[in-house]
Amino acid sequence: MTFLKVINCLKKSGVPVKDIAGFINLCMQGDQTLAERYDYLDQEETVIEAKVAELQEQLDFLRFKKWYCKTSLQAGTEAVHFMEGTNVVQPGIHEQYLKLKQQTPPDQFRQLIDL
């Protein structure tokens, strides 16, 4: 594995330059730092997994809002999601979306949210 690939990966992962330099320095020290490098990478993996989970939550919410807007556009009004006579969103709208998402085959999901 080239150092450039390692540097690029760590940089894209949000690792500070000084930490990247420290990791590269460990790599240059040879076999005696393998356990330390492994532990560092293991820790970075945990950090990245948390970032991925957070981004997935954001993506899921964005897709729910797309569905909300799409169904409002199809109905000609956002009021389709409101409690009758109010501008308050009905309880359970998000759950309604989640149920539809579960029932939709993955290859047809985009049809659920895209215009």
PDB file of N, CA and C in Angstrom:
ATOM      1  N   MET A   1       0.854  -1.172   0.000  1.00  0.00           N
ATOM      2  CA  MET A   1       0.000   0.000   0.000  1.00  0.00           C
ATOM      3  C   MET A   1       0.901   1.237   0.000  1.00  0.00           C
ATOM      4  N   THR A   2       0.589   2.177  -0.851  1.00  0.00           N
ATOM      5  CA  THR A   2       1.427   3.364  -0.935  1.00  0.00           C
ATOM      6  C   THR A   2       1.049   4.352   0.156  1.00  0.00           C
ATOM      7  N   PHE A   3       2.032   5.142   0.554  1.00  0.00           N
ATOM      8  CA  PHE A   3       1.771   6.166   1.568  1.00  0.00           C
ATOM      9  C   PHE A   3       0.749   7.184   1.075  1.00  0.00           C
ATOM     10  N   LEU A   4       0.767   7.481  -0.223  1.00  0.00           N
ATOM     11  CA  LEU A   4      -0.193   8.451  -0.757  1.00  0.00           C
ATOM     12  C   LEU A   4      -1.628   7.972  -0.565  1.00  0.00           C
ATOM     13  N   LYS A   5      -1.855   6.685  -0.780  1.00  0.00           N
ATOM     14  CA  LYS A   5      -3.205   6.128  -0.595  1.00  0.00           C
ATOM     15  C   LYS A   5      -3.615   6.215   0.876  1.00  0.00           C
ATOM     16  N   VAL A   6      -2.692   5.900   1.777  1.00  0.00           N
ATOM     17  CA  VAL A   6      -2.970   5.978   3.216  1.00  0.00           C
ATOM     18  C   VAL A   6      -3.259   7.419   3.609  1.00  0.00           C
ATOM     19  N   ILE A   7      -2.416   8.335   3.151  1.00  0.00           N
ATOM     20  CA  ILE A   7      -2.580   9.760   3.480  1.00  0.00           C
ATOM     21  C   ILE A   7      -3.923  10.256   2.962  1.00  0.00           C
ATOM     22  N   ASN A   8      -4.245   9.925   1.720  1.00  0.00           N
ATOM     23  CA  ASN A   8      -5.504  10.367   1.122  1.00  0.00           C
ATOM     24  C   ASN A   8      -6.702   9.820   1.894  1.00  0.00           C
ATOM     25  N   CYS A   9      -6.650   8.554   2.255  1.00  0.00           N
ATOM     26  CA  CYS A   9      -7.741   7.928   3.010  1.00  0.00           C
ATOM     27  C   CYS A   9      -7.940   8.626   4.357  1.00  0.00           C
ATOM     28  N   LEU A  10      -6.852   8.808   5.085  1.00  0.00           N
ATOM     29  CA  LEU A  10      -6.958   9.442   6.405  1.00  0.00           C
ATOM     30  C   LEU A  10      -7.417  10.891   6.291  1.00  0.00           C
ATOM     31  N   LYS A  11      -6.919  11.585   5.270  1.00  0.00           N
ATOM     32  CA  LYS A  11      -7.323  12.985   5.054  1.00  0.00           C
ATOM     33  C   LYS A  11      -8.826  13.071   4.777  1.00  0.00           C
ATOM     34  N   LYS A  12      -9.320  12.214   3.879  1.00  0.00           N
ATOM     35  CA  LYS A  12     -10.753  12.207   3.555  1.00  0.00           C
ATOM     36  C   LYS A  12     -11.601  11.811   4.764  1.00  0.00           C
ATOM     37  N   SER A  13     -10.994  11.090   5.692  1.00  0.00           N
ATOM     38  CA  SER A  13     -11.700  10.665   6.901  1.00  0.00           C
ATOM     39  C   SER A  13     -11.729  11.752   7.963  1.00  0.00           C
ATOM     40  N   GLY A  14     -11.055  12.870   7.689  1.00  0.00           N
ATOM     41  CA  GLY A  14     -11.066  13.986   8.632  1.00  0.00           C
ATOM     42  C   GLY A  14      -9.957  13.937   9.664  1.00  0.00           C
ATOM     43  N   VAL A  15      -8.963  13.093   9.450  1.00  0.00           N
ATOM     44  CA  VAL A  15      -7.848  12.997  10.395  1.00  0.00           C
ATOM     45  C   VAL A  15      -6.957  14.227  10.221  1.00  0.00           C
ATOM     46  N   PRO A  16      -6.602  14.904  11.312  1.00  0.00           N
ATOM     47  CA  PRO A  16      -5.711  16.067  11.219  1.00  0.00           C
ATOM     48  C   PRO A  16      -4.350  15.690  10.616  1.00  0.00           C
ATOM     49  N   VAL A  17      -3.747  16.630   9.900  1.00  0.00           N
ATOM     50  CA  VAL A  17      -2.476  16.395   9.214  1.00  0.00           C
ATOM     51  C   VAL A  17      -1.400  15.911  10.183  1.00  0.00           C
ATOM     52  N   LYS A  18      -1.347  16.504  11.373  1.00  0.00           N
ATOM     53  CA  LYS A  18      -0.306  16.091  12.334  1.00  0.00           C
ATOM     54  C   LYS A  18      -0.494  14.628  12.750  1.00  0.00           C
ATOM     55  N   ASP A  19      -1.738  14.167  12.834  1.00  0.00           N
ATOM     56  CA  ASP A  19      -1.999  12.761  13.173  1.00  0.00           C
ATOM     57  C   ASP A  19      -1.634  11.838  12.009  1.00  0.00           C
ATOM     58  N   ILE A  20      -1.897  12.316  10.799  1.00  0.00           N
ATOM     59  CA  ILE A  20      -1.507  11.536   9.619  1.00  0.00           C
ATOM     60  C   ILE A  20       0.013  11.384   9.592  1.00  0.00           C
ATOM     61  N   ALA A  21       0.701  12.483   9.841  1.00  0.00           N
ATOM     62  CA  ALA A  21       2.169  12.444   9.864  1.00  0.00           C
ATOM     63  C   ALA A  21       2.659  11.470  10.927  1.00  0.00           C
ATOM     64  N   GLY A  22       2.026  11.479  12.087  1.00  0.00           N
ATOM     65  CA  GLY A  22       2.402  10.549  13.149  1.00  0.00           C
ATOM     66  C   GLY A  22       2.196   9.102  12.740  1.00  0.00           C
ATOM     67  N   PHE A  23       1.090   8.833  12.041  1.00  0.00           N
ATOM     68  CA  PHE A  23       0.829   7.472  11.588  1.00  0.00           C
ATOM     69  C   PHE A  23       1.858   7.044  10.546  1.00  0.00           C
ATOM     70  N   ILE A  24       2.162   7.926   9.598  1.00  0.00           N
ATOM     71  CA  ILE A  24       3.155   7.610   8.569  1.00  0.00           C
ATOM     72  C   ILE A  24       4.510   7.361   9.227  1.00  0.00           C
ATOM     73  N   ASN A  25       4.836   8.145  10.229  1.00  0.00           N
ATOM     74  CA  ASN A  25       6.087   7.950  10.958  1.00  0.00           C
ATOM     75  C   ASN A  25       6.126   6.549  11.584  1.00  0.00           C
ATOM     76  N   LEU A  26       4.999   6.129  12.165  1.00  0.00           N
ATOM     77  CA  LEU A  26       4.930   4.773  12.724  1.00  0.00           C
ATOM     78  C   LEU A  26       5.166   3.721  11.638  1.00  0.00           C
ATOM     79  N   CYS A  27       4.573   3.945  10.465  1.00  0.00           N
ATOM     80  CA  CYS A  27       4.726   2.994   9.365  1.00  0.00           C
ATOM     81  C   CYS A  27       6.192   2.851   8.958  1.00  0.00           C
ATOM     82  N   MET A  28       6.903   3.941   9.010  1.00  0.00           N
ATOM     83  CA  MET A  28       8.307   3.939   8.592  1.00  0.00           C
ATOM     84  C   MET A  28       9.209   3.254   9.617  1.00  0.00           C
ATOM     85  N   GLN A  29       8.686   3.009  10.815  1.00  0.00           N
ATOM     86  CA  GLN A  29       9.486   2.375  11.862  1.00  0.00           C
ATOM     87  C   GLN A  29       9.474   0.853  11.763  1.00  0.00           C
ATOM     88  N   GLY A  30       8.666   0.314  10.899  1.00  0.00           N
ATOM     89  CA  GLY A  30       8.703  -1.120  10.657  1.00  0.00           C
ATOM     90  C   GLY A  30       7.826  -1.948  11.569  1.00  0.00           C
ATOM     91  N   ASP A  31       8.193  -3.215  11.657  1.00  0.00           N
ATOM     92  CA  ASP A  31       7.375  -4.212  12.341  1.00  0.00           C
ATOM     93  C   ASP A  31       7.098  -3.918  13.808  1.00  0.00           C
ATOM     94  N   GLN A  32       8.019  -3.240  14.484  1.00  0.00           N
ATOM     95  CA  GLN A  32       7.831  -3.012  15.923  1.00  0.00           C
ATOM     96  C   GLN A  32       6.621  -2.119  16.219  1.00  0.00           C
ATOM     97  N   THR A  33       6.070  -1.455  15.206  1.00  0.00           N
ATOM     98  CA  THR A  33       4.907  -0.575  15.444  1.00  0.00           C
ATOM     99  C   THR A  33       3.611  -1.149  14.882  1.00  0.00           C
ATOM    100  N   LEU A  34       3.645  -2.404  14.433  1.00  0.00           N
ATOM    101  CA  LEU A  34       2.432  -2.987  13.837  1.00  0.00           C
ATOM    102  C   LEU A  34       1.241  -2.955  14.785  1.00  0.00           C
ATOM    103  N   ALA A  35       1.428  -3.327  16.032  1.00  0.00           N
ATOM    104  CA  ALA A  35       0.316  -3.331  16.993  1.00  0.00           C
ATOM    105  C   ALA A  35      -0.202  -1.926  17.224  1.00  0.00           C
ATOM    106  N   GLU A  36       0.689  -0.959  17.312  1.00  0.00           N
ATOM    107  CA  GLU A  36       0.281   0.436  17.518  1.00  0.00           C
ATOM    108  C   GLU A  36      -0.478   0.965  16.302  1.00  0.00           C
ATOM    109  N   ARG A  37      -0.013   0.610  15.110  1.00  0.00           N
ATOM    110  CA  ARG A  37      -0.706   1.034  13.880  1.00  0.00           C
ATOM    111  C   ARG A  37      -2.081   0.384  13.803  1.00  0.00           C
ATOM    112  N   TYR A  38      -2.135  -0.896  14.155  1.00  0.00           N
ATOM    113  CA  TYR A  38      -3.421  -1.597  14.144  1.00  0.00           C
ATOM    114  C   TYR A  38      -4.404  -0.916  15.091  1.00  0.00           C
ATOM    115  N   ASP A  39      -3.959  -0.609  16.299  1.00  0.00           N
ATOM    116  CA  ASP A  39      -4.830   0.045  17.282  1.00  0.00           C
ATOM    117  C   ASP A  39      -5.312   1.407  16.777  1.00  0.00           C
ATOM    118  N   TYR A  40      -4.406   2.140  16.139  1.00  0.00           N
ATOM    119  CA  TYR A  40      -4.778   3.457  15.592  1.00  0.00           C
ATOM    120  C   TYR A  40      -5.854   3.285  14.518  1.00  0.00           C
ATOM    121  N   LEU A  41      -5.640   2.346  13.597  1.00  0.00           N
ATOM    122  CA  LEU A  41      -6.612   2.120  12.529  1.00  0.00           C
ATOM    123  C   LEU A  41      -7.939   1.618  13.076  1.00  0.00           C
ATOM    124  N   ASP A  42      -7.884   0.797  14.101  1.00  0.00           N
ATOM    125  CA  ASP A  42      -9.097   0.306  14.740  1.00  0.00           C
ATOM    126  C   ASP A  42      -9.898   1.464  15.326  1.00  0.00           C
ATOM    127  N   GLN A  43      -9.201   2.387  15.952  1.00  0.00           N
ATOM    128  CA  GLN A  43      -9.859   3.575  16.529  1.00  0.00           C
ATOM    129  C   GLN A  43     -10.458   4.446  15.424  1.00  0.00           C
ATOM    130  N   GLU A  44      -9.729   4.644  14.344  1.00  0.00           N
ATOM    131  CA  GLU A  44     -10.242   5.447  13.226  1.00  0.00           C
ATOM    132  C   GLU A  44     -11.461   4.781  12.588  1.00  0.00           C
ATOM    133  N   GLU A  45     -11.439   3.461  12.531  1.00  0.00           N
ATOM    134  CA  GLU A  45     -12.591   2.732  11.994  1.00  0.00           C
ATOM    135  C   GLU A  45     -13.841   3.040  12.815  1.00  0.00           C
ATOM    136  N   THR A  46     -13.701   3.040  14.119  1.00  0.00           N
ATOM    137  CA  THR A  46     -14.828   3.342  15.011  1.00  0.00           C
ATOM    138  C   THR A  46     -15.352   4.748  14.774  1.00  0.00           C
ATOM    139  N   VAL A  47     -14.439   5.695  14.603  1.00  0.00           N
ATOM    140  CA  VAL A  47     -14.823   7.093  14.346  1.00  0.00           C
ATOM    141  C   VAL A  47     -15.585   7.194  13.026  1.00  0.00           C
ATOM    142  N   ILE A  48     -15.075   6.536  12.004  1.00  0.00           N
ATOM    143  CA  ILE A  48     -15.714   6.600  10.684  1.00  0.00           C
ATOM    144  C   ILE A  48     -17.079   5.922  10.705  1.00  0.00           C
ATOM    145  N   GLU A  49     -17.189   4.796  11.400  1.00  0.00           N
ATOM    146  CA  GLU A  49     -18.490   4.125  11.500  1.00  0.00           C
ATOM    147  C   GLU A  49     -19.525   5.039  12.149  1.00  0.00           C
ATOM    148  N   ALA A  50     -19.116   5.805  13.155  1.00  0.00           N
ATOM    149  CA  ALA A  50     -20.044   6.743  13.802  1.00  0.00           C
ATOM    150  C   ALA A  50     -20.448   7.848  12.828  1.00  0.00           C
ATOM    151  N   LYS A  51     -19.500   8.327  12.033  1.00  0.00           N
ATOM    152  CA  LYS A  51     -19.808   9.362  11.036  1.00  0.00           C
ATOM    153  C   LYS A  51     -20.772   8.820   9.985  1.00  0.00           C
ATOM    154  N   VAL A  52     -20.543   7.592   9.549  1.00  0.00           N
ATOM    155  CA  VAL A  52     -21.408   6.967   8.548  1.00  0.00           C
ATOM    156  C   VAL A  52     -22.827   6.823   9.100  1.00  0.00           C
ATOM    157  N   ALA A  53     -22.941   6.409  10.354  1.00  0.00           N
ATOM    158  CA  ALA A  53     -24.265   6.256  10.975  1.00  0.00           C
ATOM    159  C   ALA A  53     -24.982   7.601  11.057  1.00  0.00           C
ATOM    160  N   GLU A  54     -24.243   8.636  11.414  1.00  0.00           N
ATOM    161  CA  GLU A  54     -24.840   9.975  11.492  1.00  0.00           C
ATOM    162  C   GLU A  54     -25.273  10.451  10.111  1.00  0.00           C
ATOM    163  N   LEU A  55     -24.440  10.244   9.108  1.00  0.00           N
ATOM    164  CA  LEU A  55     -24.803  10.631   7.746  1.00  0.00           C
ATOM    165  C   LEU A  55     -25.999   9.828   7.252  1.00  0.00           C
ATOM    166  N   GLN A  56     -26.080   8.546   7.633  1.00  0.00           N
ATOM    167  CA  GLN A  56     -27.215   7.725   7.224  1.00  0.00           C
ATOM    168  C   GLN A  56     -28.509   8.267   7.822  1.00  0.00           C
ATOM    169  N   GLU A  57     -28.456   8.694   9.075  1.00  0.00           N
ATOM    170  CA  GLU A  57     -29.636   9.297   9.706  1.00  0.00           C
ATOM    171  C   GLU A  57     -30.058  10.553   8.957  1.00  0.00           C
ATOM    172  N   GLN A  58     -29.085  11.372   8.572  1.00  0.00           N
ATOM    173  CA  GLN A  58     -29.393  12.597   7.835  1.00  0.00           C
ATOM    174  C   GLN A  58     -29.992  12.274   6.470  1.00  0.00           C
ATOM    175  N   LEU A  59     -29.423  11.273   5.798  1.00  0.00           N
ATOM    176  CA  LEU A  59     -29.942  10.868   4.498  1.00  0.00           C
ATOM    177  C   LEU A  59     -31.360  10.322   4.619  1.00  0.00           C
ATOM    178  N   ASP A  60     -31.605   9.513   5.630  1.00  0.00           N
ATOM    179  CA  ASP A  60     -32.941   8.961   5.842  1.00  0.00           C
ATOM    180  C   ASP A  60     -33.959  10.076   6.066  1.00  0.00           C
ATOM    181  N   PHE A  61     -33.591  11.085   6.867  1.00  0.00           N
ATOM    182  CA  PHE A  61     -34.517  12.185   7.116  1.00  0.00           C
ATOM    183  C   PHE A  61     -34.747  13.001   5.845  1.00  0.00           C
ATOM    184  N   LEU A  62     -33.695  13.251   5.090  1.00  0.00           N
ATOM    185  CA  LEU A  62     -33.832  13.991   3.838  1.00  0.00           C
ATOM    186  C   LEU A  62     -34.778  13.254   2.890  1.00  0.00           C
ATOM    187  N   ARG A  63     -34.645  11.947   2.823  1.00  0.00           N
ATOM    188  CA  ARG A  63     -35.521  11.166   1.943  1.00  0.00           C
ATOM    189  C   ARG A  63     -36.968  11.198   2.428  1.00  0.00           C
ATOM    190  N   PHE A  64     -37.166  11.188   3.743  1.00  0.00           N
ATOM    191  CA  PHE A  64     -38.523  11.337   4.269  1.00  0.00           C
ATOM    192  C   PHE A  64     -39.103  12.682   3.840  1.00  0.00           C
ATOM    193  N   LYS A  65     -38.313  13.750   3.949  1.00  0.00           N
ATOM    194  CA  LYS A  65     -38.800  15.079   3.573  1.00  0.00           C
ATOM    195  C   LYS A  65     -39.085  15.149   2.072  1.00  0.00           C
ATOM    196  N   LYS A  66     -38.287  14.445   1.253  1.00  0.00           N
ATOM    197  CA  LYS A  66     -38.575  14.401  -0.181  1.00  0.00           C
ATOM    198  C   LYS A  66     -39.931  13.735  -0.412  1.00  0.00           C
ATOM    199  N   TRP A  67     -40.177  12.622   0.290  1.00  0.00           N
ATOM    200  CA  TRP A  67     -41.465  11.936   0.162  1.00  0.00           C
ATOM    201  C   TRP A  67     -42.596  12.860   0.586  1.00  0.00           C
ATOM    202  N   TYR A  68     -42.403  13.560   1.687  1.00  0.00           N
ATOM    203  CA  TYR A  68     -43.403  14.501   2.207  1.00  0.00           C
ATOM    204  C   TYR A  68     -43.723  15.553   1.138  1.00  0.00           C
ATOM    205  N   CYS A  69     -42.678  16.133   0.556  1.00  0.00           N
ATOM    206  CA  CYS A  69     -42.886  17.161  -0.474  1.00  0.00           C
ATOM    207  C   CYS A  69     -43.524  16.564  -1.726  1.00  0.00           C
ATOM    208  N   LYS A  70     -43.061  15.387  -2.139  1.00  0.00           N
ATOM    209  CA  LYS A  70     -43.613  14.752  -3.337  1.00  0.00           C
ATOM    210  C   LYS A  70     -45.100  14.471  -3.164  1.00  0.00           C
ATOM    211  N   THR A  71     -45.474  13.891  -2.025  1.00  0.00           N
ATOM    212  CA  THR A  71     -46.884  13.565  -1.822  1.00  0.00           C
ATOM    213  C   THR A  71     -47.725  14.829  -1.681  1.00  0.00           C
ATOM    214  N   SER A  72     -47.141  15.883  -1.133  1.00  0.00           N
ATOM    215  CA  SER A  72     -47.850  17.167  -1.061  1.00  0.00           C
ATOM    216  C   SER A  72     -48.057  17.738  -2.458  1.00  0.00           C
ATOM    217  N   LEU A  73     -47.017  17.668  -3.293  1.00  0.00           N
ATOM    218  CA  LEU A  73     -47.138  18.151  -4.669  1.00  0.00           C
ATOM    219  C   LEU A  73     -48.182  17.350  -5.442  1.00  0.00           C
ATOM    220  N   GLN A  74     -48.171  16.023  -5.251  1.00  0.00           N
ATOM    221  CA  GLN A  74     -49.138  15.177  -5.949  1.00  0.00           C
ATOM    222  C   GLN A  74     -50.569  15.496  -5.520  1.00  0.00           C
ATOM    223  N   ALA A  75     -50.744  15.846  -4.250  1.00  0.00           N
ATOM    224  CA  ALA A  75     -52.074  16.183  -3.744  1.00  0.00           C
ATOM    225  C   ALA A  75     -52.446  17.622  -4.067  1.00  0.00           C
ATOM    226  N   GLY A  76     -51.482  18.413  -4.455  1.00  0.00           N
ATOM    227  CA  GLY A  76     -51.733  19.821  -4.751  1.00  0.00           C
ATOM    228  C   GLY A  76     -51.727  20.699  -3.517  1.00  0.00           C
ATOM    229  N   THR A  77     -51.408  20.118  -2.376  1.00  0.00           N
ATOM    230  CA  THR A  77     -51.382  20.881  -1.135  1.00  0.00           C
ATOM    231  C   THR A  77     -50.631  20.118  -0.044  1.00  0.00           C
ATOM    232  N   GLU A  78     -49.971  20.877   0.778  1.00  0.00           N
ATOM    233  CA  GLU A  78     -49.295  20.289   1.933  1.00  0.00           C
ATOM    234  C   GLU A  78     -50.303  19.867   2.997  1.00  0.00           C
ATOM    235  N   ALA A  79     -51.495  20.428   2.910  1.00  0.00           N
ATOM    236  CA  ALA A  79     -52.539  20.133   3.899  1.00  0.00           C
ATOM    237  C   ALA A  79     -52.891  18.653   3.958  1.00  0.00           C
ATOM    238  N   VAL A  80     -52.506  17.897   2.935  1.00  0.00           N
ATOM    239  CA  VAL A  80     -52.765  16.460   2.938  1.00  0.00           C
ATOM    240  C   VAL A  80     -52.099  15.788   4.146  1.00  0.00           C
ATOM    241  N   HIS A  81     -51.073  16.426   4.706  1.00  0.00           N
ATOM    242  CA  HIS A  81     -50.355  15.869   5.856  1.00  0.00           C
ATOM    243  C   HIS A  81     -50.762  16.510   7.191  1.00  0.00           C
ATOM    244  N   PHE A  82     -51.670  17.479   7.130  1.00  0.00           N
ATOM    245  CA  PHE A  82     -52.045  18.207   8.342  1.00  0.00           C
ATOM    246  C   PHE A  82     -53.253  17.566   9.023  1.00  0.00           C
ATOM    247  N   MET A  83     -53.338  17.794  10.334  1.00  0.00           N
ATOM    248  CA  MET A  83     -54.573  17.426  11.036  1.00  0.00           C
ATOM    249  C   MET A  83     -55.665  18.345  10.496  1.00  0.00           C
ATOM    250  N   GLU A  84     -56.838  17.793  10.347  1.00  0.00           N
ATOM    251  CA  GLU A  84     -57.933  18.527   9.715  1.00  0.00           C
ATOM    252  C   GLU A  84     -58.162  19.884  10.370  1.00  0.00           C
ATOM    253  N   GLY A  85     -58.217  20.904   9.506  1.00  0.00           N
ATOM    254  CA  GLY A  85     -58.508  22.257   9.975  1.00  0.00           C
ATOM    255  C   GLY A  85     -57.330  22.969  10.627  1.00  0.00           C
ATOM    256  N   THR A  86     -56.132  22.382  10.569  1.00  0.00           N
ATOM    257  CA  THR A  86     -54.949  23.006  11.176  1.00  0.00           C
ATOM    258  C   THR A  86     -53.799  22.994  10.174  1.00  0.00           C
ATOM    259  N   ASN A  87     -52.696  23.596  10.587  1.00  0.00           N
ATOM    260  CA  ASN A  87     -51.463  23.469   9.801  1.00  0.00           C
ATOM    261  C   ASN A  87     -50.431  22.663  10.595  1.00  0.00           C
ATOM    262  N   VAL A  88     -50.928  21.762  11.429  1.00  0.00           N
ATOM    263  CA  VAL A  88     -50.093  20.897  12.250  1.00  0.00           C
ATOM    264  C   VAL A  88     -50.027  19.522  11.577  1.00  0.00           C
ATOM    265  N   VAL A  89     -48.808  19.033  11.385  1.00  0.00           N
ATOM    266  CA  VAL A  89     -48.623  17.733  10.732  1.00  0.00           C
ATOM    267  C   VAL A  89     -49.231  16.632  11.594  1.00  0.00           C
ATOM    268  N   GLN A  90     -49.936  15.735  10.917  1.00  0.00           N
ATOM    269  CA  GLN A  90     -50.572  14.613  11.608  1.00  0.00           C
ATOM    270  C   GLN A  90     -49.519  13.756  12.323  1.00  0.00           C
ATOM    271  N   PRO A  91     -49.834  13.327  13.526  1.00  0.00           N
ATOM    272  CA  PRO A  91     -48.940  12.367  14.171  1.00  0.00           C
ATOM    273  C   PRO A  91     -48.897  11.091  13.319  1.00  0.00           C
ATOM    274  N   GLY A  92     -47.772  10.489  13.224  1.00  0.00           N
ATOM    275  CA  GLY A  92     -47.669   9.240  12.491  1.00  0.00           C
ATOM    276  C   GLY A  92     -47.303   9.371  11.026  1.00  0.00           C
ATOM    277  N   ILE A  93     -47.102  10.587  10.542  1.00  0.00           N
ATOM    278  CA  ILE A  93     -46.736  10.751   9.126  1.00  0.00           C
ATOM    279  C   ILE A  93     -45.394  10.092   8.848  1.00  0.00           C
ATOM    280  N   HIS A  94     -44.441  10.293   9.734  1.00  0.00           N
ATOM    281  CA  HIS A  94     -43.125   9.671   9.522  1.00  0.00           C
ATOM    282  C   HIS A  94     -43.241   8.148   9.549  1.00  0.00           C
ATOM    283  N   GLU A  95     -44.040   7.625  10.459  1.00  0.00           N
ATOM    284  CA  GLU A  95     -44.242   6.181  10.537  1.00  0.00           C
ATOM    285  C   GLU A  95     -44.917   5.654   9.266  1.00  0.00           C
ATOM    286  N   GLN A  96     -45.845   6.459   8.714  1.00  0.00           N
ATOM    287  CA  GLN A  96     -46.505   6.082   7.458  1.00  0.00           C
ATOM    288  C   GLN A  96     -45.460   5.944   6.345  1.00  0.00           C
ATOM    289  N   TYR A  97     -44.553   6.905   6.286  1.00  0.00           N
ATOM    290  CA  TYR A  97     -43.469   6.840   5.298  1.00  0.00           C
ATOM    291  C   TYR A  97     -42.605   5.598   5.522  1.00  0.00           C
ATOM    292  N   LEU A  98     -42.220   5.353   6.780  1.00  0.00           N
ATOM    293  CA  LEU A  98     -41.358   4.204   7.088  1.00  0.00           C
ATOM    294  C   LEU A  98     -42.023   2.892   6.684  1.00  0.00           C
ATOM    295  N   LYS A  99     -43.328   2.797   6.892  1.00  0.00           N
ATOM    296  CA  LYS A  99     -44.060   1.589   6.515  1.00  0.00           C
ATOM    297  C   LYS A  99     -44.038   1.409   4.994  1.00  0.00           C
ATOM    298  N   LEU A 100     -44.283   2.500   4.275  1.00  0.00           N
ATOM    299  CA  LEU A 100     -44.229   2.435   2.813  1.00  0.00           C
ATOM    300  C   LEU A 100     -42.820   2.058   2.341  1.00  0.00           C
ATOM    301  N   LYS A 101     -41.821   2.624   2.983  1.00  0.00           N
ATOM    302  CA  LYS A 101     -40.428   2.328   2.624  1.00  0.00           C
ATOM    303  C   LYS A 101     -40.135   0.846   2.829  1.00  0.00           C
ATOM    304  N   GLN A 102     -40.594   0.295   3.937  1.00  0.00           N
ATOM    305  CA  GLN A 102     -40.383  -1.135   4.229  1.00  0.00           C
ATOM    306  C   GLN A 102     -41.056  -2.020   3.189  1.00  0.00           C
ATOM    307  N   GLN A 103     -42.222  -1.589   2.742  1.00  0.00           N
ATOM    308  CA  GLN A 103     -43.003  -2.396   1.802  1.00  0.00           C
ATOM    309  C   GLN A 103     -42.512  -2.252   0.355  1.00  0.00           C
ATOM    310  N   THR A 104     -41.678  -1.262   0.113  1.00  0.00           N
ATOM    311  CA  THR A 104     -41.203  -0.992  -1.237  1.00  0.00           C
ATOM    312  C   THR A 104     -39.913  -1.765  -1.502  1.00  0.00           C
ATOM    313  N   PRO A 105     -39.879  -2.556  -2.570  1.00  0.00           N
ATOM    314  CA  PRO A 105     -38.637  -3.263  -2.899  1.00  0.00           C
ATOM    315  C   PRO A 105     -37.501  -2.261  -3.113  1.00  0.00           C
ATOM    316  N   PRO A 106     -36.291  -2.601  -2.690  1.00  0.00           N
ATOM    317  CA  PRO A 106     -35.160  -1.665  -2.797  1.00  0.00           C
ATOM    318  C   PRO A 106     -34.959  -1.096  -4.200  1.00  0.00           C
ATOM    319  N   ASP A 107     -35.192  -1.913  -5.230  1.00  0.00           N
ATOM    320  CA  ASP A 107     -34.990  -1.424  -6.599  1.00  0.00           C
ATOM    321  C   ASP A 107     -36.088  -0.452  -7.043  1.00  0.00           C
ATOM    322  N   GLN A 108     -37.149  -0.303  -6.252  1.00  0.00           N
ATOM    323  CA  GLN A 108     -38.232   0.629  -6.586  1.00  0.00           C
ATOM    324  C   GLN A 108     -38.319   1.795  -5.608  1.00  0.00           C
ATOM    325  N   PHE A 109     -37.394   1.854  -4.645  1.00  0.00           N
ATOM    326  CA  PHE A 109     -37.450   2.891  -3.614  1.00  0.00           C
ATOM    327  C   PHE A 109     -37.413   4.303  -4.193  1.00  0.00           C
ATOM    328  N   ARG A 110     -36.587   4.530  -5.204  1.00  0.00           N
ATOM    329  CA  ARG A 110     -36.468   5.878  -5.775  1.00  0.00           C
ATOM    330  C   ARG A 110     -37.820   6.376  -6.294  1.00  0.00           C
ATOM    331  N   GLN A 111     -38.655   5.471  -6.771  1.00  0.00           N
ATOM    332  CA  GLN A 111     -39.981   5.867  -7.257  1.00  0.00           C
ATOM    333  C   GLN A 111     -40.841   6.411  -6.107  1.00  0.00           C
ATOM    334  N   LEU A 112     -40.555   5.972  -4.903  1.00  0.00           N
ATOM    335  CA  LEU A 112     -41.300   6.424  -3.730  1.00  0.00           C
ATOM    336  C   LEU A 112     -41.019   7.884  -3.432  1.00  0.00           C
ATOM    337  N   ILE A 113     -39.786   8.334  -3.676  1.00  0.00           N
ATOM    338  CA  ILE A 113     -39.397   9.692  -3.257  1.00  0.00           C
ATOM    339  C   ILE A 113     -39.106  10.641  -4.408  1.00  0.00           C
ATOM    340  N   ASP A 114     -38.815  10.125  -5.587  1.00  0.00           N
ATOM    341  CA  ASP A 114     -38.462  11.012  -6.708  1.00  0.00           C
ATOM    342  C   ASP A 114     -39.689  11.414  -7.490  1.00  0.00           C
ATOM    343  N   LEU A 115     -39.655  12.625  -8.013  1.00  0.00           N
ATOM    344  CA  LEU A 115     -40.746  13.105  -8.878  1.00  0.00           C
ATOM    345  C   LEU A 115     -40.630  12.508 -10.248  1.00  0.00           C
TER     346      LEU A 115
END
